[in-house]
N, C-alpha and C. Protein backbone atom coordinates (compact mmCIF):
# COMPACT_ATOMS: atom_id res chain seq x y z
N MET A 1 -3.69 -10.61 -3.91
CA MET A 1 -3.54 -10.44 -5.32
C MET A 1 -2.42 -11.33 -5.83
N GLY A 2 -1.25 -11.26 -5.19
CA GLY A 2 -0.20 -12.22 -5.46
C GLY A 2 0.75 -11.90 -6.59
N ASP A 3 0.44 -10.93 -7.46
CA ASP A 3 1.35 -10.63 -8.56
C ASP A 3 2.54 -9.83 -8.04
N THR A 4 3.72 -10.18 -8.53
CA THR A 4 4.92 -9.45 -8.16
C THR A 4 5.74 -9.21 -9.41
N GLU A 5 6.63 -8.27 -9.32
CA GLU A 5 7.56 -7.99 -10.41
C GLU A 5 8.96 -8.09 -9.82
N THR A 6 9.83 -8.83 -10.48
CA THR A 6 11.19 -8.99 -10.00
C THR A 6 12.08 -8.00 -10.73
N ARG A 7 12.92 -7.34 -9.99
CA ARG A 7 13.89 -6.42 -10.57
C ARG A 7 15.20 -7.16 -10.79
N ALA A 8 16.02 -6.63 -11.66
CA ALA A 8 17.35 -7.19 -11.88
C ALA A 8 18.37 -6.10 -11.63
N ASN A 9 19.51 -6.50 -11.08
CA ASN A 9 20.57 -5.53 -10.89
C ASN A 9 21.32 -5.35 -12.21
N ASP A 10 22.39 -4.56 -12.20
CA ASP A 10 23.13 -4.27 -13.43
C ASP A 10 23.71 -5.52 -14.09
N GLU A 11 23.94 -6.57 -13.32
CA GLU A 11 24.48 -7.81 -13.86
C GLU A 11 23.37 -8.75 -14.32
N GLY A 12 22.13 -8.32 -14.23
CA GLY A 12 21.01 -9.15 -14.65
C GLY A 12 20.56 -10.15 -13.61
N GLU A 13 21.09 -10.07 -12.40
CA GLU A 13 20.68 -10.99 -11.34
C GLU A 13 19.39 -10.49 -10.70
N ALA A 14 18.52 -11.43 -10.40
CA ALA A 14 17.25 -11.07 -9.76
C ALA A 14 17.51 -10.51 -8.37
N THR A 15 16.78 -9.46 -8.04
CA THR A 15 16.86 -8.86 -6.70
C THR A 15 15.50 -9.02 -6.05
N ALA A 16 15.09 -8.05 -5.29
CA ALA A 16 13.82 -8.14 -4.54
C ALA A 16 12.62 -8.12 -5.48
N ALA A 17 11.62 -8.91 -5.15
CA ALA A 17 10.36 -8.91 -5.89
C ALA A 17 9.53 -7.72 -5.43
N LEU A 18 8.94 -7.04 -6.39
CA LEU A 18 8.08 -5.91 -6.07
C LEU A 18 6.62 -6.34 -6.16
N THR A 19 5.87 -5.97 -5.16
CA THR A 19 4.44 -6.24 -5.14
C THR A 19 3.70 -5.06 -5.77
N PRO A 20 2.44 -5.24 -6.11
CA PRO A 20 1.65 -4.09 -6.57
C PRO A 20 1.65 -2.96 -5.53
N TYR A 21 1.69 -3.31 -4.25
CA TYR A 21 1.78 -2.31 -3.17
C TYR A 21 3.02 -1.45 -3.37
N ASP A 22 4.16 -2.09 -3.65
CA ASP A 22 5.40 -1.37 -3.90
C ASP A 22 5.30 -0.52 -5.16
N LEU A 23 4.74 -1.10 -6.22
CA LEU A 23 4.66 -0.42 -7.50
C LEU A 23 3.76 0.81 -7.45
N ILE A 24 2.74 0.77 -6.60
CA ILE A 24 1.87 1.93 -6.43
C ILE A 24 2.58 3.04 -5.67
N GLY A 25 3.45 2.65 -4.74
CA GLY A 25 4.16 3.66 -3.97
C GLY A 25 4.04 3.50 -2.47
N GLY A 26 3.56 2.34 -2.02
CA GLY A 26 3.51 2.05 -0.59
C GLY A 26 2.34 2.70 0.13
N ALA A 27 2.48 2.79 1.43
CA ALA A 27 1.38 3.21 2.31
C ALA A 27 0.80 4.57 1.95
N ASP A 28 1.66 5.56 1.70
CA ASP A 28 1.13 6.89 1.40
C ASP A 28 0.29 6.89 0.13
N ALA A 29 0.75 6.18 -0.88
CA ALA A 29 0.00 6.13 -2.14
C ALA A 29 -1.31 5.36 -1.99
N VAL A 30 -1.29 4.28 -1.23
CA VAL A 30 -2.52 3.50 -1.02
C VAL A 30 -3.51 4.33 -0.20
N ARG A 31 -3.02 5.07 0.77
CA ARG A 31 -3.89 5.96 1.55
C ARG A 31 -4.54 7.00 0.64
N ARG A 32 -3.75 7.63 -0.23
CA ARG A 32 -4.31 8.62 -1.16
C ARG A 32 -5.36 7.98 -2.07
N LEU A 33 -5.11 6.76 -2.51
CA LEU A 33 -6.04 6.05 -3.37
C LEU A 33 -7.37 5.81 -2.66
N ALA A 34 -7.33 5.32 -1.44
CA ALA A 34 -8.55 5.06 -0.67
C ALA A 34 -9.31 6.35 -0.40
N GLU A 35 -8.60 7.38 -0.04
CA GLU A 35 -9.23 8.69 0.21
C GLU A 35 -9.90 9.21 -1.05
N ARG A 36 -9.17 9.16 -2.15
CA ARG A 36 -9.69 9.71 -3.41
C ARG A 36 -10.91 8.93 -3.90
N LEU A 37 -10.87 7.61 -3.78
CA LEU A 37 -12.01 6.80 -4.21
C LEU A 37 -13.29 7.27 -3.52
N TYR A 38 -13.24 7.42 -2.20
CA TYR A 38 -14.45 7.81 -1.48
C TYR A 38 -14.79 9.28 -1.67
N ASP A 39 -13.79 10.13 -1.95
CA ASP A 39 -14.10 11.52 -2.28
C ASP A 39 -14.86 11.59 -3.61
N ILE A 40 -14.44 10.78 -4.58
CA ILE A 40 -15.13 10.72 -5.87
C ILE A 40 -16.55 10.20 -5.66
N MET A 41 -16.67 9.12 -4.90
CA MET A 41 -17.98 8.53 -4.64
C MET A 41 -18.92 9.54 -3.98
N ASP A 42 -18.38 10.34 -3.10
CA ASP A 42 -19.17 11.31 -2.36
C ASP A 42 -19.64 12.47 -3.25
N ALA A 43 -18.85 12.79 -4.28
CA ALA A 43 -19.14 13.97 -5.08
C ALA A 43 -19.75 13.70 -6.45
N ASP A 44 -19.53 12.54 -7.01
CA ASP A 44 -19.95 12.28 -8.38
C ASP A 44 -21.37 11.71 -8.41
N PRO A 45 -22.31 12.40 -9.04
CA PRO A 45 -23.69 11.90 -9.11
C PRO A 45 -23.79 10.52 -9.76
N GLN A 46 -22.82 10.15 -10.61
CA GLN A 46 -22.84 8.82 -11.24
C GLN A 46 -22.61 7.71 -10.22
N ALA A 47 -22.13 8.06 -9.04
CA ALA A 47 -21.88 7.07 -7.99
C ALA A 47 -22.92 7.13 -6.88
N ALA A 48 -24.01 7.83 -7.12
CA ALA A 48 -25.03 8.01 -6.07
C ALA A 48 -25.58 6.69 -5.56
N GLY A 49 -25.71 5.70 -6.42
CA GLY A 49 -26.24 4.41 -6.00
C GLY A 49 -25.39 3.74 -4.95
N ILE A 50 -24.08 3.76 -5.12
CA ILE A 50 -23.22 3.13 -4.11
C ILE A 50 -22.94 4.07 -2.95
N ARG A 51 -22.99 5.38 -3.19
CA ARG A 51 -22.79 6.31 -2.07
C ARG A 51 -23.90 6.12 -1.04
N ALA A 52 -25.11 5.84 -1.51
CA ALA A 52 -26.26 5.66 -0.62
C ALA A 52 -26.11 4.44 0.28
N MET A 53 -25.21 3.53 -0.06
CA MET A 53 -24.98 2.34 0.76
C MET A 53 -24.09 2.61 1.96
N HIS A 54 -23.52 3.82 2.03
CA HIS A 54 -22.59 4.17 3.09
C HIS A 54 -23.21 5.20 4.03
N GLY A 55 -22.72 5.25 5.24
CA GLY A 55 -23.17 6.23 6.21
C GLY A 55 -22.68 7.63 5.86
N ASP A 56 -23.11 8.59 6.64
CA ASP A 56 -22.70 9.98 6.41
C ASP A 56 -21.19 10.16 6.56
N ASP A 57 -20.61 9.51 7.56
CA ASP A 57 -19.18 9.65 7.85
C ASP A 57 -18.40 8.58 7.08
N LEU A 58 -17.65 9.01 6.10
CA LEU A 58 -16.88 8.07 5.28
C LEU A 58 -15.51 7.72 5.88
N ARG A 59 -15.12 8.38 6.96
CA ARG A 59 -13.78 8.13 7.54
C ARG A 59 -13.56 6.65 7.87
N PRO A 60 -14.49 5.97 8.56
CA PRO A 60 -14.23 4.56 8.88
C PRO A 60 -14.03 3.68 7.64
N ILE A 61 -14.81 3.90 6.60
CA ILE A 61 -14.68 3.05 5.42
C ILE A 61 -13.43 3.41 4.63
N LYS A 62 -13.02 4.66 4.65
CA LYS A 62 -11.75 5.04 4.02
C LYS A 62 -10.60 4.30 4.70
N ASP A 63 -10.62 4.28 6.02
CA ASP A 63 -9.57 3.59 6.78
C ASP A 63 -9.59 2.10 6.50
N SER A 64 -10.78 1.53 6.46
CA SER A 64 -10.91 0.10 6.21
C SER A 64 -10.42 -0.26 4.80
N LEU A 65 -10.79 0.55 3.81
CA LEU A 65 -10.32 0.27 2.45
C LEU A 65 -8.81 0.40 2.36
N PHE A 66 -8.24 1.39 3.02
CA PHE A 66 -6.79 1.53 3.04
C PHE A 66 -6.13 0.27 3.60
N GLU A 67 -6.64 -0.22 4.72
CA GLU A 67 -6.07 -1.42 5.33
C GLU A 67 -6.25 -2.64 4.43
N PHE A 68 -7.45 -2.80 3.86
CA PHE A 68 -7.70 -3.93 2.98
C PHE A 68 -6.80 -3.87 1.75
N LEU A 69 -6.78 -2.72 1.07
CA LEU A 69 -5.97 -2.61 -0.15
C LEU A 69 -4.49 -2.82 0.14
N SER A 70 -4.01 -2.30 1.26
CA SER A 70 -2.60 -2.49 1.60
C SER A 70 -2.26 -3.97 1.63
N ALA A 71 -3.09 -4.75 2.29
CA ALA A 71 -2.84 -6.19 2.40
C ALA A 71 -3.07 -6.89 1.06
N TRP A 72 -4.16 -6.56 0.38
CA TRP A 72 -4.52 -7.21 -0.87
C TRP A 72 -3.46 -6.97 -1.94
N LEU A 73 -2.84 -5.80 -1.90
CA LEU A 73 -1.82 -5.45 -2.89
C LEU A 73 -0.43 -6.00 -2.54
N GLY A 74 -0.32 -6.67 -1.40
CA GLY A 74 0.96 -7.27 -1.04
C GLY A 74 1.76 -6.49 -0.03
N GLY A 75 1.15 -5.50 0.59
CA GLY A 75 1.82 -4.73 1.63
C GLY A 75 1.62 -5.38 2.98
N PRO A 76 1.70 -4.59 4.05
CA PRO A 76 1.50 -5.14 5.40
C PRO A 76 0.18 -5.90 5.49
N GLN A 77 0.21 -7.06 6.08
CA GLN A 77 -0.94 -7.97 6.13
C GLN A 77 -1.81 -7.76 7.37
N ASP A 78 -1.70 -6.63 8.01
CA ASP A 78 -2.43 -6.36 9.25
C ASP A 78 -3.93 -6.62 9.12
N TYR A 79 -4.52 -6.20 8.01
CA TYR A 79 -5.96 -6.36 7.82
C TYR A 79 -6.35 -7.84 7.92
N PHE A 80 -5.62 -8.70 7.24
CA PHE A 80 -5.96 -10.12 7.21
C PHE A 80 -5.58 -10.85 8.49
N GLN A 81 -4.73 -10.25 9.30
CA GLN A 81 -4.31 -10.90 10.55
C GLN A 81 -5.15 -10.49 11.74
N ARG A 82 -5.97 -9.46 11.59
CA ARG A 82 -6.84 -9.03 12.69
C ARG A 82 -7.95 -10.03 12.91
N ALA A 83 -8.17 -10.40 14.15
CA ALA A 83 -9.24 -11.35 14.48
C ALA A 83 -10.62 -10.76 14.19
N ASP A 84 -10.76 -9.43 14.28
CA ASP A 84 -12.06 -8.80 14.11
C ASP A 84 -12.30 -8.30 12.68
N ARG A 85 -11.42 -8.65 11.77
CA ARG A 85 -11.59 -8.15 10.41
C ARG A 85 -12.83 -8.77 9.78
N PRO A 86 -13.57 -7.96 9.05
CA PRO A 86 -14.74 -8.52 8.38
C PRO A 86 -14.33 -9.23 7.10
N CYS A 87 -14.99 -10.30 6.80
CA CYS A 87 -14.83 -10.96 5.51
C CYS A 87 -15.42 -10.00 4.47
N ILE A 88 -14.69 -9.72 3.41
CA ILE A 88 -15.14 -8.73 2.44
C ILE A 88 -16.49 -9.11 1.83
N ARG A 89 -16.70 -10.38 1.56
CA ARG A 89 -18.00 -10.81 0.99
C ARG A 89 -19.11 -10.64 2.03
N SER A 90 -18.84 -11.04 3.26
CA SER A 90 -19.86 -10.90 4.32
C SER A 90 -20.21 -9.44 4.57
N ALA A 91 -19.20 -8.58 4.52
CA ALA A 91 -19.43 -7.16 4.77
C ALA A 91 -20.33 -6.53 3.72
N HIS A 92 -20.37 -7.10 2.52
CA HIS A 92 -21.18 -6.55 1.44
C HIS A 92 -22.47 -7.32 1.17
N ARG A 93 -22.65 -8.43 1.84
CA ARG A 93 -23.77 -9.32 1.55
C ARG A 93 -25.13 -8.65 1.73
N SER A 94 -25.26 -7.74 2.67
CA SER A 94 -26.56 -7.14 2.94
C SER A 94 -26.96 -6.07 1.91
N PHE A 95 -26.07 -5.75 1.00
CA PHE A 95 -26.35 -4.73 0.00
C PHE A 95 -26.76 -5.37 -1.33
N ALA A 96 -27.68 -4.73 -2.01
CA ALA A 96 -28.09 -5.18 -3.34
C ALA A 96 -27.06 -4.67 -4.35
N ILE A 97 -26.10 -5.50 -4.65
CA ILE A 97 -25.02 -5.12 -5.56
C ILE A 97 -25.18 -5.91 -6.85
N GLY A 98 -25.43 -5.19 -7.91
CA GLY A 98 -25.56 -5.78 -9.23
C GLY A 98 -24.53 -5.17 -10.16
N PRO A 99 -24.67 -5.39 -11.44
CA PRO A 99 -23.71 -4.84 -12.39
C PRO A 99 -23.59 -3.31 -12.32
N ALA A 100 -24.69 -2.61 -12.11
CA ALA A 100 -24.64 -1.14 -12.06
C ALA A 100 -23.80 -0.67 -10.87
N GLU A 101 -24.00 -1.28 -9.71
CA GLU A 101 -23.25 -0.89 -8.51
C GLU A 101 -21.77 -1.27 -8.66
N ARG A 102 -21.53 -2.45 -9.20
CA ARG A 102 -20.14 -2.87 -9.47
C ARG A 102 -19.46 -1.85 -10.36
N ASP A 103 -20.15 -1.46 -11.43
CA ASP A 103 -19.56 -0.53 -12.39
C ASP A 103 -19.36 0.86 -11.79
N GLN A 104 -20.26 1.27 -10.89
CA GLN A 104 -20.07 2.56 -10.21
C GLN A 104 -18.80 2.53 -9.37
N TRP A 105 -18.61 1.43 -8.63
CA TRP A 105 -17.41 1.32 -7.79
C TRP A 105 -16.15 1.30 -8.67
N LEU A 106 -16.20 0.55 -9.75
CA LEU A 106 -15.04 0.49 -10.65
C LEU A 106 -14.75 1.84 -11.27
N MET A 107 -15.79 2.61 -11.61
CA MET A 107 -15.59 3.96 -12.13
C MET A 107 -14.85 4.81 -11.10
N CYS A 108 -15.29 4.74 -9.84
CA CYS A 108 -14.64 5.49 -8.78
C CYS A 108 -13.18 5.04 -8.61
N MET A 109 -12.96 3.73 -8.61
CA MET A 109 -11.62 3.21 -8.43
C MET A 109 -10.72 3.60 -9.61
N ASN A 110 -11.21 3.47 -10.82
CA ASN A 110 -10.39 3.82 -11.98
C ASN A 110 -10.04 5.30 -12.00
N ARG A 111 -11.00 6.14 -11.65
CA ARG A 111 -10.69 7.57 -11.55
C ARG A 111 -9.68 7.84 -10.46
N ALA A 112 -9.86 7.17 -9.31
CA ALA A 112 -8.92 7.38 -8.20
C ALA A 112 -7.52 6.93 -8.58
N LEU A 113 -7.41 5.80 -9.26
CA LEU A 113 -6.09 5.33 -9.71
C LEU A 113 -5.44 6.36 -10.63
N SER A 114 -6.22 6.90 -11.54
CA SER A 114 -5.69 7.90 -12.48
C SER A 114 -5.35 9.20 -11.77
N GLU A 115 -6.25 9.68 -10.94
CA GLU A 115 -6.07 10.99 -10.30
C GLU A 115 -5.00 10.98 -9.21
N THR A 116 -4.68 9.82 -8.69
CA THR A 116 -3.57 9.75 -7.71
C THR A 116 -2.27 9.37 -8.41
N GLU A 117 -2.30 9.39 -9.73
CA GLU A 117 -1.12 9.21 -10.57
C GLU A 117 -0.44 7.86 -10.41
N VAL A 118 -1.25 6.82 -10.22
CA VAL A 118 -0.71 5.47 -10.27
C VAL A 118 -0.27 5.24 -11.71
N PRO A 119 0.96 4.79 -11.91
CA PRO A 119 1.46 4.62 -13.28
C PRO A 119 0.57 3.71 -14.13
N GLU A 120 0.46 4.03 -15.40
CA GLU A 120 -0.39 3.28 -16.32
C GLU A 120 -0.10 1.78 -16.30
N PRO A 121 1.16 1.34 -16.31
CA PRO A 121 1.39 -0.12 -16.27
C PRO A 121 0.82 -0.79 -15.02
N VAL A 122 0.83 -0.08 -13.91
CA VAL A 122 0.29 -0.63 -12.67
C VAL A 122 -1.24 -0.65 -12.75
N ARG A 123 -1.82 0.39 -13.32
CA ARG A 123 -3.29 0.40 -13.49
C ARG A 123 -3.71 -0.77 -14.36
N LYS A 124 -2.97 -1.04 -15.42
CA LYS A 124 -3.27 -2.18 -16.30
C LYS A 124 -3.14 -3.50 -15.53
N LEU A 125 -2.11 -3.62 -14.71
CA LEU A 125 -1.90 -4.81 -13.90
C LEU A 125 -3.08 -5.07 -12.97
N LEU A 126 -3.67 -4.01 -12.45
CA LEU A 126 -4.75 -4.12 -11.47
C LEU A 126 -6.14 -4.22 -12.10
N GLU A 127 -6.25 -3.90 -13.37
CA GLU A 127 -7.56 -3.82 -14.02
C GLU A 127 -8.40 -5.09 -13.84
N GLN A 128 -7.90 -6.23 -14.21
CA GLN A 128 -8.67 -7.48 -14.11
C GLN A 128 -8.87 -7.94 -12.67
N PRO A 129 -7.84 -7.90 -11.81
CA PRO A 129 -8.09 -8.29 -10.42
C PRO A 129 -9.13 -7.42 -9.72
N LEU A 130 -9.12 -6.11 -10.00
CA LEU A 130 -10.13 -5.24 -9.39
C LEU A 130 -11.52 -5.57 -9.93
N PHE A 131 -11.61 -5.84 -11.22
CA PHE A 131 -12.91 -6.23 -11.77
C PHE A 131 -13.41 -7.51 -11.12
N ARG A 132 -12.53 -8.51 -11.01
CA ARG A 132 -12.94 -9.78 -10.41
C ARG A 132 -13.39 -9.59 -8.96
N MET A 133 -12.66 -8.76 -8.22
CA MET A 133 -13.05 -8.52 -6.83
C MET A 133 -14.41 -7.84 -6.77
N ALA A 134 -14.61 -6.79 -7.56
CA ALA A 134 -15.89 -6.07 -7.55
C ALA A 134 -17.02 -6.98 -8.01
N ASP A 135 -16.77 -7.79 -9.01
CA ASP A 135 -17.80 -8.68 -9.52
C ASP A 135 -18.16 -9.77 -8.51
N MET A 136 -17.18 -10.22 -7.74
CA MET A 136 -17.39 -11.23 -6.72
C MET A 136 -18.38 -10.74 -5.64
N LEU A 137 -18.46 -9.44 -5.45
CA LEU A 137 -19.31 -8.88 -4.39
C LEU A 137 -20.78 -8.72 -4.82
N ARG A 138 -21.05 -9.03 -6.07
CA ARG A 138 -22.43 -8.92 -6.55
C ARG A 138 -23.34 -9.90 -5.80
N SER A 139 -24.52 -9.41 -5.48
CA SER A 139 -25.51 -10.25 -4.83
C SER A 139 -26.75 -10.43 -5.71
N ARG A 140 -26.73 -9.81 -6.83
CA ARG A 140 -27.85 -9.95 -7.78
C ARG A 140 -27.34 -9.81 -9.19
């Protein structure tokens, strides 16, 4: 994602840059986000189209999304450094993903962001990058 926010100390000097990963709240918050997204997908009839693309056991995909989001948001880069990591586009290529499926995923993600209490400014920061990522995965 690459966006960061720089903080200033009391003298106005720049200190550490904050990544979206930091702004969300780090590993625990990203884990809650990944869990909540798939819980919403599993329960909300509006997400039935994309839920059908997943197996019965959502644990592996929850873990994978947590790892991907952690790295994508600027946290630990373990996901991108693994030799066996799937390319996100390749992992989705076999699915018929169009605007409806993209929008179902975005609905789940937006609800998860809200329900896990990600601050509104951070949700706004992520709005366009998440849309671009979801739209990039379309195959139709």
